[in-house]
Amino acid sequence: MNYQPNDEIPNGEVLFRYCNPAAFPDGQLEIPISIFMDRSLSCDWKLFRQDPSTSFHIAEGKTRIIQINVCEAIRNPVNPKRSTQIIREWHQSIKYSPITSSDHDIHGENIAHSLIIGLKKAPVCEAFVANSSWFDVV
């Protein structure tokens, strides 16, 4: 498929979020929910960046890669007290948002850039944690 800017990224796709390993408290293996709290969460879409180690983030020390599995649980999180109730205000819009050279970004072009846009309340971030994994790039 030929994706255009602002197209919705479908369920089943993988996004990479970069962070410094120091974002994890000593000895903690579970992803901290704070990594997902940005209202416009910047990621790279694996479809366009197969190898996350090629990102400029690695040179900045963000060598821990959070692999987010795009799914309905992230897109439309439910109320943890009523597991069948979707909270409309928590909807996450998962968009392809490539950065082109005309955008004048300090890091240059990034055709893999994507955004997860929406209010990130604790249950939303917990949905991210439940549908993500991490690994380090050395």
N, C-alpha and C. Protein backbone atom coordinates (compact mmCIF):
# COMPACT_ATOMS: atom_id res chain seq x y z
N MET A 1 0.85 -1.19 0.00
CA MET A 1 0.00 0.00 0.00
C MET A 1 0.88 1.24 0.00
N ASN A 2 0.41 2.28 -0.65
CA ASN A 2 1.13 3.54 -0.74
C ASN A 2 0.57 4.49 0.32
N TYR A 3 1.28 4.67 1.44
CA TYR A 3 0.80 5.51 2.53
C TYR A 3 1.15 6.97 2.28
N GLN A 4 0.24 7.84 2.63
CA GLN A 4 0.41 9.29 2.51
C GLN A 4 0.45 9.91 3.90
N PRO A 5 1.06 11.11 4.03
CA PRO A 5 1.04 11.79 5.33
C PRO A 5 -0.39 11.91 5.87
N ASN A 6 -0.52 11.71 7.16
CA ASN A 6 -1.78 11.76 7.91
C ASN A 6 -2.65 10.52 7.74
N ASP A 7 -2.20 9.53 6.99
CA ASP A 7 -2.93 8.26 6.91
C ASP A 7 -2.87 7.58 8.28
N GLU A 8 -3.95 6.91 8.63
CA GLU A 8 -4.00 6.15 9.88
C GLU A 8 -3.16 4.88 9.72
N ILE A 9 -2.33 4.58 10.71
CA ILE A 9 -1.51 3.37 10.69
C ILE A 9 -2.38 2.22 11.18
N PRO A 10 -2.47 1.14 10.41
CA PRO A 10 -3.39 0.06 10.78
C PRO A 10 -2.90 -0.79 11.95
N ASN A 11 -3.87 -1.46 12.58
CA ASN A 11 -3.54 -2.42 13.63
C ASN A 11 -2.63 -3.49 13.04
N GLY A 12 -1.75 -4.03 13.88
CA GLY A 12 -0.83 -5.07 13.44
C GLY A 12 0.53 -4.52 13.05
N GLU A 13 0.64 -3.20 12.89
CA GLU A 13 1.92 -2.60 12.54
C GLU A 13 2.75 -2.37 13.81
N VAL A 14 4.05 -2.10 13.64
CA VAL A 14 4.96 -1.88 14.75
C VAL A 14 5.56 -0.48 14.65
N LEU A 15 5.60 0.21 15.79
CA LEU A 15 6.23 1.52 15.89
C LEU A 15 7.39 1.43 16.88
N PHE A 16 8.43 2.22 16.64
CA PHE A 16 9.57 2.28 17.55
C PHE A 16 9.57 3.62 18.27
N ARG A 17 9.71 3.58 19.58
CA ARG A 17 9.88 4.77 20.42
C ARG A 17 11.26 4.63 21.03
N TYR A 18 12.03 5.71 21.04
CA TYR A 18 13.41 5.68 21.51
C TYR A 18 13.50 6.35 22.88
N CYS A 19 14.27 5.75 23.78
CA CYS A 19 14.48 6.39 25.08
C CYS A 19 15.87 6.06 25.60
N ASN A 20 16.29 6.86 26.55
CA ASN A 20 17.56 6.63 27.23
C ASN A 20 17.33 5.49 28.23
N PRO A 21 18.25 4.54 28.32
CA PRO A 21 18.08 3.46 29.30
C PRO A 21 17.88 3.96 30.73
N ALA A 22 18.38 5.17 31.04
CA ALA A 22 18.22 5.74 32.38
C ALA A 22 16.76 6.06 32.70
N ALA A 23 15.88 6.04 31.70
CA ALA A 23 14.45 6.28 31.93
C ALA A 23 13.82 5.13 32.72
N PHE A 24 14.50 3.98 32.74
CA PHE A 24 14.03 2.84 33.51
C PHE A 24 14.70 2.89 34.88
N PRO A 25 13.94 2.88 35.97
CA PRO A 25 14.58 2.82 37.28
C PRO A 25 15.45 1.56 37.41
N ASP A 26 16.50 1.65 38.20
CA ASP A 26 17.41 0.52 38.39
C ASP A 26 16.65 -0.76 38.73
N GLY A 27 16.92 -1.80 37.97
CA GLY A 27 16.32 -3.10 38.22
C GLY A 27 14.92 -3.28 37.65
N GLN A 28 14.32 -2.24 37.11
CA GLN A 28 12.96 -2.34 36.58
C GLN A 28 13.00 -2.85 35.14
N LEU A 29 12.26 -3.89 34.87
CA LEU A 29 12.19 -4.44 33.52
C LEU A 29 10.92 -4.02 32.78
N GLU A 30 9.87 -3.67 33.54
CA GLU A 30 8.63 -3.21 32.89
C GLU A 30 8.82 -1.78 32.39
N ILE A 31 8.25 -1.51 31.24
CA ILE A 31 8.36 -0.18 30.63
C ILE A 31 7.64 0.83 31.53
N PRO A 32 8.33 1.92 31.92
CA PRO A 32 7.66 2.95 32.72
C PRO A 32 6.57 3.65 31.90
N ILE A 33 5.41 3.89 32.50
CA ILE A 33 4.32 4.52 31.76
C ILE A 33 4.68 5.94 31.32
N SER A 34 5.64 6.57 32.01
CA SER A 34 6.03 7.94 31.67
C SER A 34 6.57 8.06 30.24
N ILE A 35 7.05 6.98 29.66
CA ILE A 35 7.58 6.99 28.30
C ILE A 35 6.49 7.28 27.28
N PHE A 36 5.25 7.06 27.65
CA PHE A 36 4.14 7.18 26.71
C PHE A 36 3.26 8.41 26.95
N MET A 37 3.66 9.34 27.78
CA MET A 37 2.76 10.39 28.24
C MET A 37 2.63 11.60 27.30
N ASP A 38 3.49 11.73 26.29
CA ASP A 38 3.40 12.88 25.39
C ASP A 38 2.07 12.86 24.64
N ARG A 39 1.42 13.99 24.58
CA ARG A 39 0.14 14.06 23.86
C ARG A 39 0.33 13.75 22.38
N SER A 40 1.48 14.17 21.83
CA SER A 40 1.86 13.80 20.46
C SER A 40 3.12 12.96 20.57
N LEU A 41 2.93 11.67 20.68
CA LEU A 41 4.03 10.73 20.91
C LEU A 41 4.73 10.43 19.60
N SER A 42 5.99 10.81 19.51
CA SER A 42 6.77 10.65 18.29
C SER A 42 7.38 9.24 18.24
N CYS A 43 7.23 8.60 17.09
CA CYS A 43 7.73 7.23 16.88
C CYS A 43 8.22 7.09 15.45
N ASP A 44 8.86 5.98 15.18
CA ASP A 44 9.21 5.60 13.80
C ASP A 44 8.41 4.34 13.45
N TRP A 45 7.88 4.31 12.25
CA TRP A 45 7.11 3.17 11.76
C TRP A 45 8.07 2.16 11.17
N LYS A 46 8.02 0.93 11.67
CA LYS A 46 8.91 -0.13 11.22
C LYS A 46 8.81 -0.36 9.70
N LEU A 47 7.66 -0.12 9.13
CA LEU A 47 7.48 -0.29 7.69
C LEU A 47 8.52 0.54 6.91
N PHE A 48 8.87 1.71 7.45
CA PHE A 48 9.79 2.60 6.76
C PHE A 48 11.18 2.65 7.41
N ARG A 49 11.35 2.08 8.59
CA ARG A 49 12.66 1.98 9.24
C ARG A 49 12.76 0.58 9.84
N GLN A 50 13.16 -0.36 9.00
CA GLN A 50 13.28 -1.74 9.44
C GLN A 50 14.27 -1.91 10.58
N ASP A 51 15.36 -1.16 10.55
CA ASP A 51 16.41 -1.26 11.56
C ASP A 51 16.43 0.00 12.41
N PRO A 52 15.89 -0.05 13.63
CA PRO A 52 15.82 1.16 14.46
C PRO A 52 17.19 1.71 14.85
N SER A 53 18.24 0.90 14.73
CA SER A 53 19.58 1.38 15.09
C SER A 53 20.09 2.44 14.12
N THR A 54 19.40 2.64 12.99
CA THR A 54 19.82 3.65 12.02
C THR A 54 19.26 5.04 12.34
N SER A 55 18.48 5.17 13.40
CA SER A 55 17.90 6.47 13.77
C SER A 55 18.94 7.38 14.41
N PHE A 56 18.78 8.68 14.20
CA PHE A 56 19.66 9.68 14.84
C PHE A 56 19.53 9.61 16.36
N HIS A 57 18.45 9.08 16.89
CA HIS A 57 18.24 8.98 18.34
C HIS A 57 19.34 8.14 19.00
N ILE A 58 19.85 7.17 18.31
CA ILE A 58 20.88 6.29 18.88
C ILE A 58 22.12 7.10 19.24
N ALA A 59 22.55 8.00 18.35
CA ALA A 59 23.72 8.85 18.61
C ALA A 59 23.47 9.80 19.78
N GLU A 60 22.20 10.07 20.08
CA GLU A 60 21.85 10.94 21.21
C GLU A 60 21.77 10.17 22.53
N GLY A 61 22.06 8.87 22.51
CA GLY A 61 22.03 8.06 23.71
C GLY A 61 20.69 7.39 23.98
N LYS A 62 19.75 7.53 23.08
CA LYS A 62 18.44 6.88 23.24
C LYS A 62 18.53 5.49 22.61
N THR A 63 19.24 4.60 23.31
CA THR A 63 19.55 3.28 22.77
C THR A 63 18.60 2.18 23.24
N ARG A 64 17.62 2.55 24.03
CA ARG A 64 16.59 1.58 24.41
C ARG A 64 15.39 1.81 23.48
N ILE A 65 15.02 0.76 22.79
CA ILE A 65 13.95 0.84 21.81
C ILE A 65 12.69 0.22 22.39
N ILE A 66 11.62 0.99 22.39
CA ILE A 66 10.32 0.49 22.81
C ILE A 66 9.58 0.11 21.53
N GLN A 67 9.21 -1.13 21.41
CA GLN A 67 8.50 -1.63 20.24
C GLN A 67 7.01 -1.68 20.57
N ILE A 68 6.25 -0.80 19.93
CA ILE A 68 4.81 -0.67 20.18
C ILE A 68 4.05 -1.44 19.12
N ASN A 69 3.20 -2.35 19.54
CA ASN A 69 2.36 -3.11 18.62
C ASN A 69 1.02 -2.39 18.50
N VAL A 70 0.80 -1.78 17.35
CA VAL A 70 -0.44 -1.02 17.12
C VAL A 70 -1.63 -1.98 17.18
N CYS A 71 -2.60 -1.64 18.02
CA CYS A 71 -3.76 -2.51 18.19
C CYS A 71 -4.93 -1.70 18.71
N GLU A 72 -6.08 -2.34 18.73
CA GLU A 72 -7.30 -1.67 19.17
C GLU A 72 -7.23 -1.27 20.65
N ALA A 73 -6.52 -2.06 21.47
CA ALA A 73 -6.40 -1.74 22.89
C ALA A 73 -5.69 -0.41 23.11
N ILE A 74 -4.76 -0.05 22.23
CA ILE A 74 -4.08 1.25 22.30
C ILE A 74 -4.96 2.32 21.64
N ARG A 75 -5.49 2.00 20.50
CA ARG A 75 -6.27 2.98 19.73
C ARG A 75 -7.52 3.45 20.49
N ASN A 76 -8.20 2.52 21.15
CA ASN A 76 -9.44 2.82 21.89
C ASN A 76 -9.40 2.17 23.26
N PRO A 77 -8.63 2.75 24.19
CA PRO A 77 -8.52 2.15 25.53
C PRO A 77 -9.87 2.11 26.26
N VAL A 78 -10.00 1.11 27.10
CA VAL A 78 -11.25 0.94 27.86
C VAL A 78 -11.06 1.39 29.31
N ASN A 79 -12.18 1.65 29.94
CA ASN A 79 -12.21 1.99 31.35
C ASN A 79 -11.81 0.75 32.15
N PRO A 80 -10.75 0.82 32.95
CA PRO A 80 -10.31 -0.38 33.69
C PRO A 80 -11.35 -0.89 34.68
N LYS A 81 -12.29 -0.04 35.08
CA LYS A 81 -13.33 -0.46 36.02
C LYS A 81 -14.53 -1.07 35.30
N ARG A 82 -14.63 -0.82 33.99
CA ARG A 82 -15.71 -1.38 33.16
C ARG A 82 -15.08 -1.79 31.84
N SER A 83 -14.58 -3.00 31.78
CA SER A 83 -13.75 -3.44 30.66
C SER A 83 -14.40 -3.38 29.29
N THR A 84 -15.69 -3.17 29.25
CA THR A 84 -16.35 -3.08 27.94
C THR A 84 -16.63 -1.64 27.54
N GLN A 85 -16.31 -0.68 28.42
CA GLN A 85 -16.61 0.73 28.15
C GLN A 85 -15.40 1.44 27.55
N ILE A 86 -15.52 1.81 26.28
CA ILE A 86 -14.47 2.59 25.62
C ILE A 86 -14.68 4.05 25.99
N ILE A 87 -13.60 4.71 26.37
CA ILE A 87 -13.66 6.13 26.73
C ILE A 87 -13.27 6.95 25.50
N ARG A 88 -14.23 7.60 24.90
CA ARG A 88 -14.01 8.34 23.65
C ARG A 88 -12.89 9.37 23.78
N GLU A 89 -12.80 10.03 24.93
CA GLU A 89 -11.78 11.07 25.14
C GLU A 89 -10.36 10.50 25.17
N TRP A 90 -10.24 9.19 25.34
CA TRP A 90 -8.92 8.55 25.39
C TRP A 90 -8.47 8.01 24.04
N HIS A 91 -9.28 8.18 23.00
CA HIS A 91 -8.93 7.66 21.67
C HIS A 91 -7.55 8.17 21.24
N GLN A 92 -6.76 7.26 20.68
CA GLN A 92 -5.43 7.59 20.17
C GLN A 92 -5.45 7.52 18.65
N SER A 93 -5.14 8.63 18.03
CA SER A 93 -5.04 8.69 16.58
C SER A 93 -3.60 8.36 16.20
N ILE A 94 -3.41 7.30 15.45
CA ILE A 94 -2.06 6.80 15.13
C ILE A 94 -1.81 7.10 13.66
N LYS A 95 -1.01 8.14 13.42
CA LYS A 95 -0.87 8.72 12.08
C LYS A 95 0.55 8.63 11.55
N TYR A 96 0.63 8.41 10.25
CA TYR A 96 1.90 8.49 9.54
C TYR A 96 2.19 9.98 9.35
N SER A 97 3.35 10.43 9.81
CA SER A 97 3.68 11.86 9.79
C SER A 97 5.14 12.07 9.39
N PRO A 98 5.50 11.72 8.14
CA PRO A 98 6.91 11.82 7.74
C PRO A 98 7.42 13.26 7.82
N ILE A 99 8.69 13.38 8.18
CA ILE A 99 9.35 14.68 8.20
C ILE A 99 10.17 14.77 6.93
N THR A 100 9.86 15.77 6.14
CA THR A 100 10.58 15.97 4.88
C THR A 100 11.59 17.10 5.05
N SER A 101 12.52 17.19 4.12
CA SER A 101 13.54 18.23 4.21
C SER A 101 12.91 19.62 4.22
N SER A 102 11.74 19.76 3.61
CA SER A 102 11.09 21.07 3.60
C SER A 102 10.54 21.46 4.97
N ASP A 103 10.47 20.50 5.90
CA ASP A 103 9.99 20.80 7.25
C ASP A 103 11.06 21.50 8.09
N HIS A 104 12.30 21.48 7.64
CA HIS A 104 13.43 22.13 8.32
C HIS A 104 13.64 21.60 9.74
N ASP A 105 13.43 20.34 9.94
CA ASP A 105 13.70 19.71 11.24
C ASP A 105 15.20 19.66 11.45
N ILE A 106 15.66 19.87 12.67
CA ILE A 106 17.10 19.91 12.92
C ILE A 106 17.80 18.58 12.62
N HIS A 107 17.06 17.49 12.63
CA HIS A 107 17.65 16.17 12.36
C HIS A 107 17.50 15.75 10.91
N GLY A 108 16.86 16.56 10.12
CA GLY A 108 16.69 16.24 8.70
C GLY A 108 15.48 15.37 8.45
N GLU A 109 15.45 14.82 7.28
CA GLU A 109 14.32 14.02 6.82
C GLU A 109 14.18 12.72 7.61
N ASN A 110 12.94 12.35 7.87
CA ASN A 110 12.65 11.06 8.51
C ASN A 110 11.33 10.54 7.93
N ILE A 111 11.45 9.70 6.91
CA ILE A 111 10.24 9.19 6.27
C ILE A 111 9.50 8.18 7.14
N ALA A 112 10.11 7.70 8.22
CA ALA A 112 9.46 6.73 9.11
C ALA A 112 8.66 7.40 10.24
N HIS A 113 8.81 8.70 10.39
CA HIS A 113 8.19 9.41 11.52
C HIS A 113 6.68 9.25 11.55
N SER A 114 6.18 8.99 12.74
CA SER A 114 4.75 8.81 12.97
C SER A 114 4.39 9.42 14.31
N LEU A 115 3.11 9.67 14.51
CA LEU A 115 2.64 10.27 15.76
C LEU A 115 1.46 9.47 16.31
N ILE A 116 1.45 9.35 17.63
CA ILE A 116 0.29 8.81 18.33
C ILE A 116 -0.27 9.98 19.13
N ILE A 117 -1.42 10.46 18.69
CA ILE A 117 -1.97 11.70 19.21
C ILE A 117 -3.20 11.40 20.06
N GLY A 118 -3.19 11.95 21.27
CA GLY A 118 -4.34 11.79 22.14
C GLY A 118 -3.96 11.99 23.59
N LEU A 119 -4.95 12.13 24.42
CA LEU A 119 -4.78 12.31 25.85
C LEU A 119 -4.24 11.01 26.45
N LYS A 120 -3.17 11.12 27.21
CA LYS A 120 -2.51 9.92 27.76
C LYS A 120 -2.76 9.82 29.27
N LYS A 121 -3.94 9.40 29.65
CA LYS A 121 -4.25 9.12 31.05
C LYS A 121 -3.59 7.79 31.43
N ALA A 122 -3.49 7.50 32.72
CA ALA A 122 -2.81 6.29 33.19
C ALA A 122 -3.32 5.01 32.51
N PRO A 123 -4.63 4.79 32.38
CA PRO A 123 -5.09 3.56 31.71
C PRO A 123 -4.64 3.47 30.24
N VAL A 124 -4.53 4.62 29.59
CA VAL A 124 -4.05 4.65 28.21
C VAL A 124 -2.59 4.19 28.18
N CYS A 125 -1.78 4.76 29.06
CA CYS A 125 -0.36 4.38 29.13
C CYS A 125 -0.20 2.92 29.50
N GLU A 126 -1.07 2.41 30.35
CA GLU A 126 -1.03 0.99 30.72
C GLU A 126 -1.33 0.11 29.51
N ALA A 127 -2.21 0.58 28.61
CA ALA A 127 -2.48 -0.17 27.38
C ALA A 127 -1.23 -0.20 26.50
N PHE A 128 -0.50 0.90 26.48
CA PHE A 128 0.77 0.92 25.74
C PHE A 128 1.74 -0.10 26.32
N VAL A 129 1.90 -0.09 27.64
CA VAL A 129 2.83 -1.02 28.30
C VAL A 129 2.46 -2.47 27.99
N ALA A 130 1.17 -2.78 28.05
CA ALA A 130 0.70 -4.15 27.82
C ALA A 130 0.92 -4.62 26.38
N ASN A 131 1.07 -3.67 25.46
CA ASN A 131 1.21 -4.02 24.05
C ASN A 131 2.55 -3.58 23.47
N SER A 132 3.54 -3.49 24.35
CA SER A 132 4.87 -3.07 23.92
C SER A 132 5.93 -3.97 24.55
N SER A 133 7.09 -3.95 23.94
CA SER A 133 8.26 -4.65 24.49
C SER A 133 9.45 -3.73 24.26
N TRP A 134 10.60 -4.10 24.82
CA TRP A 134 11.77 -3.25 24.63
C TRP A 134 13.02 -4.09 24.39
N PHE A 135 14.00 -3.46 23.78
CA PHE A 135 15.32 -4.06 23.60
C PHE A 135 16.34 -2.93 23.49
N ASP A 136 17.58 -3.26 23.75
CA ASP A 136 18.66 -2.27 23.67
C ASP A 136 19.45 -2.45 22.38
N VAL A 137 19.87 -1.30 21.83
CA VAL A 137 20.78 -1.29 20.70
C VAL A 137 22.14 -0.94 21.25
N VAL A 138 23.12 -1.75 20.95
CA VAL A 138 24.46 -1.52 21.51
C VAL A 138 25.34 -0.85 20.47
